[in-house]
Amino acid sequence: MDEKEITMNQQRDDQETISLISSLPSDRDFHSNKLFNYQRCWYDKKTLQGILNFQRGFEPQDTDIIVASFPKSGTTWLKALTVALLERSKHSSDDHPLLSDNPHGLVPVLELRLYTESSKPDLTSFSSSPRLFATHVPFHTLQEALKGSPCKVVYIWRNVKDALVSVWYFECANLKIEDKDERRSMLESMFESFCTGVSFYGPFWEHVLSYWKGNLEDPKHVCFMRYEELKKEPHVHVKKLAQFLGCPFTLEEEESGYVEEILDLCSLGHLKNLEINKTGKTGRGVDHKNFFRKGEVGDSKNYLTPEMEKRIDMIIEEKFRDSCLKF
């Protein structure tokens, strides 16, 4: 395919994208940003363009690994752990990729970085196998792009109340909002968006349930992890993750302390104190330091009122009633 034909195909794709987006239901989030509903979830226009490009043009390889999550649900930690597990035979502790790049630089989000401008981006830098990508789209949307590929998907789920507070802090940091009243007002508006489901990548229940169902139907290719369980028993779940990824720890590695070494390398305390994460920025201009806060379980109780917590609990109980999925 010559350059002229590529350009013509891209122009055709762009027109199809514009036409589709204009036909979708729309609403406003807590920022008054316009969101569009596509395959039961909400996205801004630029992200949706990336999703459509990704679905249209992604050519999966059977060995691909995709890290998936609802935003601010342990994504940074899971990316770091996955990189560390896959790279452990290639690098020493002194020259590890995590020491010189942020986890989000090493594992780019398909629809937010690689496919934002084109359905045929240059992926030559992902020549090694397995290729490692990330996404925030729900499983049914991801499946359309995978086109039946047996590649592996790892999903991490976090208590949505903690995820909500983490998103709030992240937004305040990015927008440099320091006024206490303004910050509180944003949390309350964001809470309403979460509860109605009209939020970026929401509703959260659609997201979680899509991957839960995918795991039940195909556990060999869809791994469903809980952030709280990973925090409680990191050794157990990192070993399970390594097994799922096809790079299990040998007995010699376990006896030599490799599991502890990887957990230390990927710990919040270690990552946030690396120079690259103190001063660097993502390709989208987000400060690396904004990805690291507390990472604690249950910290949301310090910010949400009892009434807010009760409302979310009631929504979860209703939406997850038939799934056997419990917090």
Protein backbone atom coordinates (compact mmCIF):
# COMPACT_ATOMS: atom_id res chain seq x y z
CA MET A 1 0.00 0.00 0.00
CA ASP A 2 1.55 3.28 -1.09
CA GLU A 3 1.50 6.55 0.86
CA LYS A 4 -1.35 8.02 -1.20
CA GLU A 5 -3.58 5.02 -0.55
CA ILE A 6 -2.77 5.12 3.17
CA THR A 7 -3.76 8.79 3.28
CA MET A 8 -7.02 8.13 1.45
CA ASN A 9 -7.90 5.26 3.79
CA GLN A 10 -7.18 7.44 6.83
CA GLN A 11 -9.37 10.22 5.47
CA ARG A 12 -12.18 7.73 4.92
CA ASP A 13 -11.77 6.39 8.44
CA ASP A 14 -11.80 9.93 9.83
CA GLN A 15 -15.07 10.70 8.07
CA GLU A 16 -16.65 7.48 9.35
CA THR A 17 -15.49 8.35 12.87
CA ILE A 18 -16.95 11.87 12.72
CA SER A 19 -20.24 10.53 11.39
CA LEU A 20 -20.49 7.84 14.08
CA ILE A 21 -19.64 10.16 16.98
CA SER A 22 -22.19 12.74 15.85
CA SER A 23 -24.90 10.05 15.97
CA LEU A 24 -24.18 8.90 19.54
CA PRO A 25 -26.06 9.92 22.73
CA SER A 26 -24.19 12.63 24.64
CA ASP A 27 -24.18 14.16 28.11
CA ARG A 28 -22.00 16.31 30.37
CA ASP A 29 -19.68 15.16 33.18
CA PHE A 30 -18.77 17.00 36.40
CA HIS A 31 -16.42 19.29 34.41
CA SER A 32 -19.23 20.04 31.95
CA ASN A 33 -17.15 18.22 29.35
CA LYS A 34 -19.21 16.63 26.60
CA LEU A 35 -19.13 12.84 26.73
CA PHE A 36 -20.45 10.36 24.18
CA ASN A 37 -21.98 6.98 24.96
CA TYR A 38 -20.39 4.21 22.93
CA GLN A 39 -20.97 0.52 23.62
CA ARG A 40 -22.57 1.40 26.99
CA CYS A 41 -19.72 3.56 28.33
CA TRP A 42 -18.84 7.28 28.21
CA TYR A 43 -15.86 8.98 26.55
CA ASP A 44 -14.79 12.42 25.44
CA LYS A 45 -14.43 12.97 21.69
CA LYS A 46 -10.64 12.57 21.47
CA THR A 47 -10.62 9.36 23.49
CA LEU A 48 -13.48 7.95 21.46
CA GLN A 49 -11.59 8.72 18.26
CA GLY A 50 -8.68 6.72 19.70
CA ILE A 51 -10.97 3.82 20.60
CA LEU A 52 -12.50 3.70 17.13
CA ASN A 53 -9.04 3.84 15.52
CA PHE A 54 -7.89 1.07 17.85
CA GLN A 55 -10.87 -1.16 17.12
CA ARG A 56 -10.53 -0.56 13.40
CA GLY A 57 -6.79 -0.94 12.96
CA PHE A 58 -5.25 -2.97 15.79
CA GLU A 59 -3.57 -6.15 14.56
CA PRO A 60 -3.22 -8.37 17.64
CA GLN A 61 -0.50 -10.94 18.05
CA ASP A 62 -1.24 -14.13 19.94
CA THR A 63 1.48 -13.34 22.49
CA ASP A 64 0.25 -9.79 23.27
CA ILE A 65 -0.45 -8.91 26.89
CA ILE A 66 -2.91 -6.14 27.74
CA VAL A 67 -3.18 -4.56 31.18
CA ALA A 68 -6.71 -3.27 31.74
CA SER A 69 -8.33 -1.20 34.47
CA PHE A 70 -10.87 1.44 35.34
CA PRO A 71 -8.83 4.66 35.80
CA LYS A 72 -7.01 5.03 39.12
CA SER A 73 -7.64 1.46 40.24
CA GLY A 74 -4.07 0.32 40.74
CA THR A 75 -3.03 0.77 37.11
CA THR A 76 0.44 2.15 37.80
CA TRP A 77 1.30 -0.65 40.23
CA LEU A 78 0.02 -3.39 37.92
CA LYS A 79 1.95 -1.98 34.97
CA ALA A 80 5.14 -1.89 37.03
CA LEU A 81 4.66 -5.46 38.28
CA THR A 82 3.94 -6.76 34.80
CA VAL A 83 7.02 -5.07 33.34
CA ALA A 84 9.17 -6.36 36.21
CA LEU A 85 7.93 -9.93 35.80
CA LEU A 86 8.42 -10.02 32.04
CA GLU A 87 11.80 -8.26 32.10
CA ARG A 88 13.37 -10.00 35.09
CA SER A 89 15.60 -12.28 33.02
CA LYS A 90 16.85 -9.41 30.82
CA HIS A 91 17.89 -6.74 33.30
CA SER A 92 19.72 -6.46 36.59
CA SER A 93 18.39 -4.35 39.44
CA ASP A 94 20.79 -1.59 38.35
CA ASP A 95 19.65 -1.17 34.74
CA HIS A 96 15.95 -2.00 34.98
CA PRO A 97 13.60 -0.05 32.67
CA LEU A 98 11.53 1.05 35.69
CA LEU A 99 14.53 3.03 36.93
CA SER A 100 14.59 5.24 33.84
CA ASP A 101 10.95 5.47 32.75
CA ASN A 102 7.53 5.76 34.34
CA PRO A 103 5.30 2.64 34.13
CA HIS A 104 2.91 4.59 31.90
CA GLY A 105 5.72 5.32 29.48
CA LEU A 106 6.67 1.66 29.37
CA VAL A 107 3.09 0.40 28.98
CA PRO A 108 1.15 2.92 26.86
CA VAL A 109 -2.64 3.08 26.81
CA LEU A 110 -3.76 2.03 23.36
CA GLU A 111 -6.64 4.46 22.93
CA LEU A 112 -5.04 7.41 24.75
CA ARG A 113 -1.58 7.34 23.22
CA LEU A 114 -0.96 4.94 20.35
CA TYR A 115 -4.19 5.22 18.35
CA THR A 116 -5.24 8.82 18.96
CA GLU A 117 -4.33 10.06 15.48
CA SER A 118 -4.48 7.03 13.23
CA SER A 119 -5.81 3.49 12.90
CA LYS A 120 -2.37 2.44 11.63
CA PRO A 121 0.21 3.95 14.02
CA ASP A 122 3.88 3.04 13.92
CA LEU A 123 4.34 0.15 16.39
CA THR A 124 7.87 -0.76 15.35
CA SER A 125 9.15 0.00 18.85
CA PHE A 126 7.03 -2.95 20.02
CA SER A 127 8.97 -5.51 18.04
CA SER A 128 9.85 -7.81 20.94
CA SER A 129 7.50 -10.53 22.13
CA PRO A 130 5.34 -10.39 24.11
CA ARG A 131 4.16 -6.88 23.30
CA LEU A 132 2.78 -5.10 26.35
CA PHE A 133 -0.07 -2.57 26.12
CA ALA A 134 -2.70 -1.04 28.39
CA THR A 135 -6.31 0.04 28.07
CA HIS A 136 -9.14 1.52 30.12
CA VAL A 137 -11.99 0.35 27.85
CA PRO A 138 -14.42 -2.33 29.10
CA PHE A 139 -13.90 -5.89 27.98
CA HIS A 140 -16.64 -6.02 25.34
CA THR A 141 -15.09 -2.99 23.62
CA LEU A 142 -11.59 -4.47 23.87
CA GLN A 143 -12.76 -7.79 22.43
CA GLU A 144 -13.86 -6.08 19.22
CA ALA A 145 -10.28 -4.90 18.68
CA LEU A 146 -8.73 -8.25 19.57
CA LYS A 147 -10.62 -9.96 16.75
CA GLY A 148 -10.62 -13.38 18.42
CA SER A 149 -6.94 -13.33 19.37
CA PRO A 150 -5.94 -15.61 22.28
CA CYS A 151 -3.71 -12.91 23.77
CA LYS A 152 -3.81 -12.41 27.55
CA VAL A 153 -5.66 -9.68 29.41
CA VAL A 154 -4.98 -8.75 33.04
CA TYR A 155 -7.64 -6.65 34.76
CA ILE A 156 -7.32 -5.02 38.16
CA TRP A 157 -10.38 -3.97 40.15
CA ARG A 158 -10.33 -1.62 43.12
CA ASN A 159 -13.00 -0.56 45.61
CA VAL A 160 -14.72 2.16 43.63
CA LYS A 161 -14.85 4.53 46.61
CA ASP A 162 -11.06 4.49 46.82
CA ALA A 163 -10.81 4.77 43.02
CA LEU A 164 -13.12 7.81 43.11
CA VAL A 165 -10.98 9.60 45.69
CA SER A 166 -7.85 8.72 43.73
CA VAL A 167 -9.35 10.18 40.52
CA TRP A 168 -10.30 13.31 42.48
CA TYR A 169 -6.77 13.83 43.82
CA PHE A 170 -5.34 13.16 40.37
CA GLU A 171 -7.61 15.76 38.76
CA CYS A 172 -6.87 18.35 41.46
CA ALA A 173 -3.13 17.78 41.02
CA ASN A 174 -3.30 18.06 37.23
CA LEU A 175 -5.39 21.23 37.40
CA LYS A 176 -3.31 22.57 40.30
CA ILE A 177 -6.39 23.19 42.44
CA GLU A 178 -5.35 23.99 46.01
CA ASP A 179 -8.34 25.88 47.40
CA LYS A 180 -10.07 23.64 49.95
CA ASP A 181 -13.62 24.65 49.04
CA GLU A 182 -12.98 24.28 45.32
CA ARG A 183 -11.50 20.84 45.86
CA ARG A 184 -14.47 19.76 47.96
CA SER A 185 -16.90 21.05 45.37
CA MET A 186 -15.12 19.03 42.70
CA LEU A 187 -15.35 15.85 44.79
CA GLU A 188 -19.08 16.31 45.26
CA SER A 189 -19.63 16.91 41.53
CA MET A 190 -17.45 13.96 40.62
CA PHE A 191 -19.35 11.77 43.09
CA GLU A 192 -22.63 12.62 41.35
CA SER A 193 -21.13 11.73 37.97
CA PHE A 194 -19.90 8.40 39.32
CA CYS A 195 -23.30 7.57 40.77
CA THR A 196 -25.20 8.39 37.59
CA GLY A 197 -22.60 6.55 35.51
CA VAL A 198 -21.91 9.56 33.28
CA SER A 199 -18.18 9.75 33.93
CA PHE A 200 -15.04 9.23 31.89
CA TYR A 201 -14.91 5.47 31.08
CA GLY A 202 -17.97 4.95 33.28
CA PRO A 203 -20.27 3.55 34.45
CA PHE A 204 -17.81 1.75 36.72
CA TRP A 205 -20.21 -1.18 37.11
CA GLU A 206 -20.26 -1.82 33.36
CA HIS A 207 -16.49 -1.83 33.40
CA VAL A 208 -16.00 -4.24 36.30
CA LEU A 209 -18.76 -6.64 35.29
CA SER A 210 -17.49 -6.87 31.70
CA TYR A 211 -14.10 -8.19 32.84
CA TRP A 212 -15.63 -10.35 35.57
CA LYS A 213 -17.76 -12.06 32.94
CA GLY A 214 -14.74 -12.37 30.63
CA ASN A 215 -12.76 -14.05 33.40
CA LEU A 216 -15.57 -16.50 34.18
CA GLU A 217 -15.92 -17.44 30.52
CA ASP A 218 -12.20 -17.66 29.69
CA PRO A 219 -9.95 -17.71 32.79
CA LYS A 220 -6.94 -18.88 30.77
CA HIS A 221 -6.90 -15.60 28.84
CA VAL A 222 -8.56 -13.11 31.21
CA CYS A 223 -7.10 -12.64 34.68
CA PHE A 224 -9.28 -10.73 37.17
CA MET A 225 -7.28 -9.26 40.08
CA ARG A 226 -8.49 -7.36 43.14
CA TYR A 227 -6.34 -4.49 44.31
CA GLU A 228 -7.18 -5.14 47.96
CA GLU A 229 -6.13 -8.79 47.73
CA LEU A 230 -2.89 -7.80 45.99
CA LYS A 231 -2.18 -5.38 48.85
CA LYS A 232 -3.01 -7.98 51.51
CA GLU A 233 -1.05 -10.90 50.06
CA PRO A 234 1.35 -9.47 47.48
CA HIS A 235 3.62 -12.55 47.34
CA VAL A 236 0.73 -14.89 46.62
CA HIS A 237 -0.84 -12.77 43.91
CA VAL A 238 2.38 -11.74 42.18
CA LYS A 239 3.25 -15.43 41.85
CA LYS A 240 -0.22 -16.07 40.40
CA LEU A 241 0.27 -13.17 37.98
CA ALA A 242 3.62 -14.55 36.84
CA GLN A 243 2.00 -17.95 36.26
CA PHE A 244 -0.79 -16.39 34.20
CA LEU A 245 1.67 -14.35 32.11
CA GLY A 246 3.58 -17.51 31.26
CA CYS A 247 6.72 -16.61 33.22
CA PRO A 248 6.31 -18.47 36.54
CA PHE A 249 8.95 -18.21 39.22
CA THR A 250 11.27 -21.16 39.48
CA LEU A 251 11.95 -22.68 42.87
CA GLU A 252 15.48 -21.28 42.65
CA GLU A 253 14.13 -17.78 42.00
CA GLU A 254 11.79 -17.99 44.97
CA GLU A 255 14.55 -19.24 47.25
CA SER A 256 16.84 -16.45 46.00
CA GLY A 257 14.33 -13.77 46.95
CA TYR A 258 13.24 -12.74 43.44
CA VAL A 259 9.61 -12.27 44.48
CA GLU A 260 10.61 -9.87 47.27
CA GLU A 261 13.00 -8.08 44.91
CA ILE A 262 10.24 -7.42 42.38
CA LEU A 263 7.81 -6.27 45.07
CA ASP A 264 10.43 -3.88 46.43
CA LEU A 265 11.26 -2.56 42.96
CA CYS A 266 7.57 -1.91 42.22
CA SER A 267 6.55 -0.60 45.63
CA LEU A 268 4.90 2.81 45.78
CA GLY A 269 7.58 4.10 48.13
CA HIS A 270 10.40 3.09 45.81
CA LEU A 271 8.79 4.24 42.55
CA LYS A 272 7.68 7.65 43.82
CA ASN A 273 11.21 8.44 45.02
CA LEU A 274 12.91 7.69 41.70
CA GLU A 275 14.16 10.83 39.95
CA ILE A 276 12.20 10.02 36.76
CA ASN A 277 8.96 9.97 38.77
CA LYS A 278 9.76 13.13 40.68
CA THR A 279 10.51 15.32 37.67
CA GLY A 280 9.33 13.60 34.48
CA LYS A 281 6.15 14.03 32.44
CA THR A 282 4.10 11.70 30.25
CA GLY A 283 3.73 12.26 26.52
CA ARG A 284 0.40 13.94 27.33
CA GLY A 285 2.11 16.38 29.68
CA VAL A 286 1.02 14.86 33.02
CA ASP A 287 3.58 15.05 35.82
CA HIS A 288 4.81 11.58 36.74
CA LYS A 289 4.56 12.46 40.44
CA ASN A 290 0.77 12.79 40.12
CA PHE A 291 0.49 9.03 39.65
CA PHE A 292 1.79 8.33 43.15
CA ARG A 293 -0.18 9.14 46.28
CA LYS A 294 -1.04 6.79 49.15
CA GLY A 295 -2.32 3.61 47.54
CA GLU A 296 -4.06 2.70 50.80
CA VAL A 297 -7.11 0.50 51.17
CA GLY A 298 -10.12 2.26 52.66
CA ASP A 299 -8.66 5.77 52.54
CA SER A 300 -11.89 7.05 50.97
CA LYS A 301 -13.61 7.03 54.36
CA ASN A 302 -11.51 10.09 55.23
CA TYR A 303 -13.09 12.09 52.38
CA LEU A 304 -16.56 10.70 51.63
CA THR A 305 -19.45 11.37 53.98
CA PRO A 306 -21.36 8.39 55.41
CA GLU A 307 -24.23 9.32 53.12
CA MET A 308 -21.97 9.25 50.06
CA GLU A 309 -20.54 5.88 51.05
CA LYS A 310 -24.02 4.45 51.64
CA ARG A 311 -25.22 5.63 48.24
CA ILE A 312 -22.32 3.98 46.43
CA ASP A 313 -22.78 0.79 48.46
CA MET A 314 -26.44 0.66 47.44
CA ILE A 315 -25.56 1.14 43.77
CA ILE A 316 -22.99 -1.64 43.92
CA GLU A 317 -25.39 -3.97 45.68
CA GLU A 318 -28.00 -3.38 43.00
CA LYS A 319 -25.71 -3.58 39.97
CA PHE A 320 -23.70 -6.59 41.17
CA ARG A 321 -26.66 -8.51 42.63
CA ASP A 322 -26.68 -11.25 39.99
CA SER A 323 -22.93 -11.52 39.52
CA CYS A 324 -21.76 -13.20 42.78
CA LEU A 325 -19.12 -10.43 42.84
CA LYS A 326 -18.54 -8.97 46.30
CA PHE A 327 -16.27 -6.29 47.74
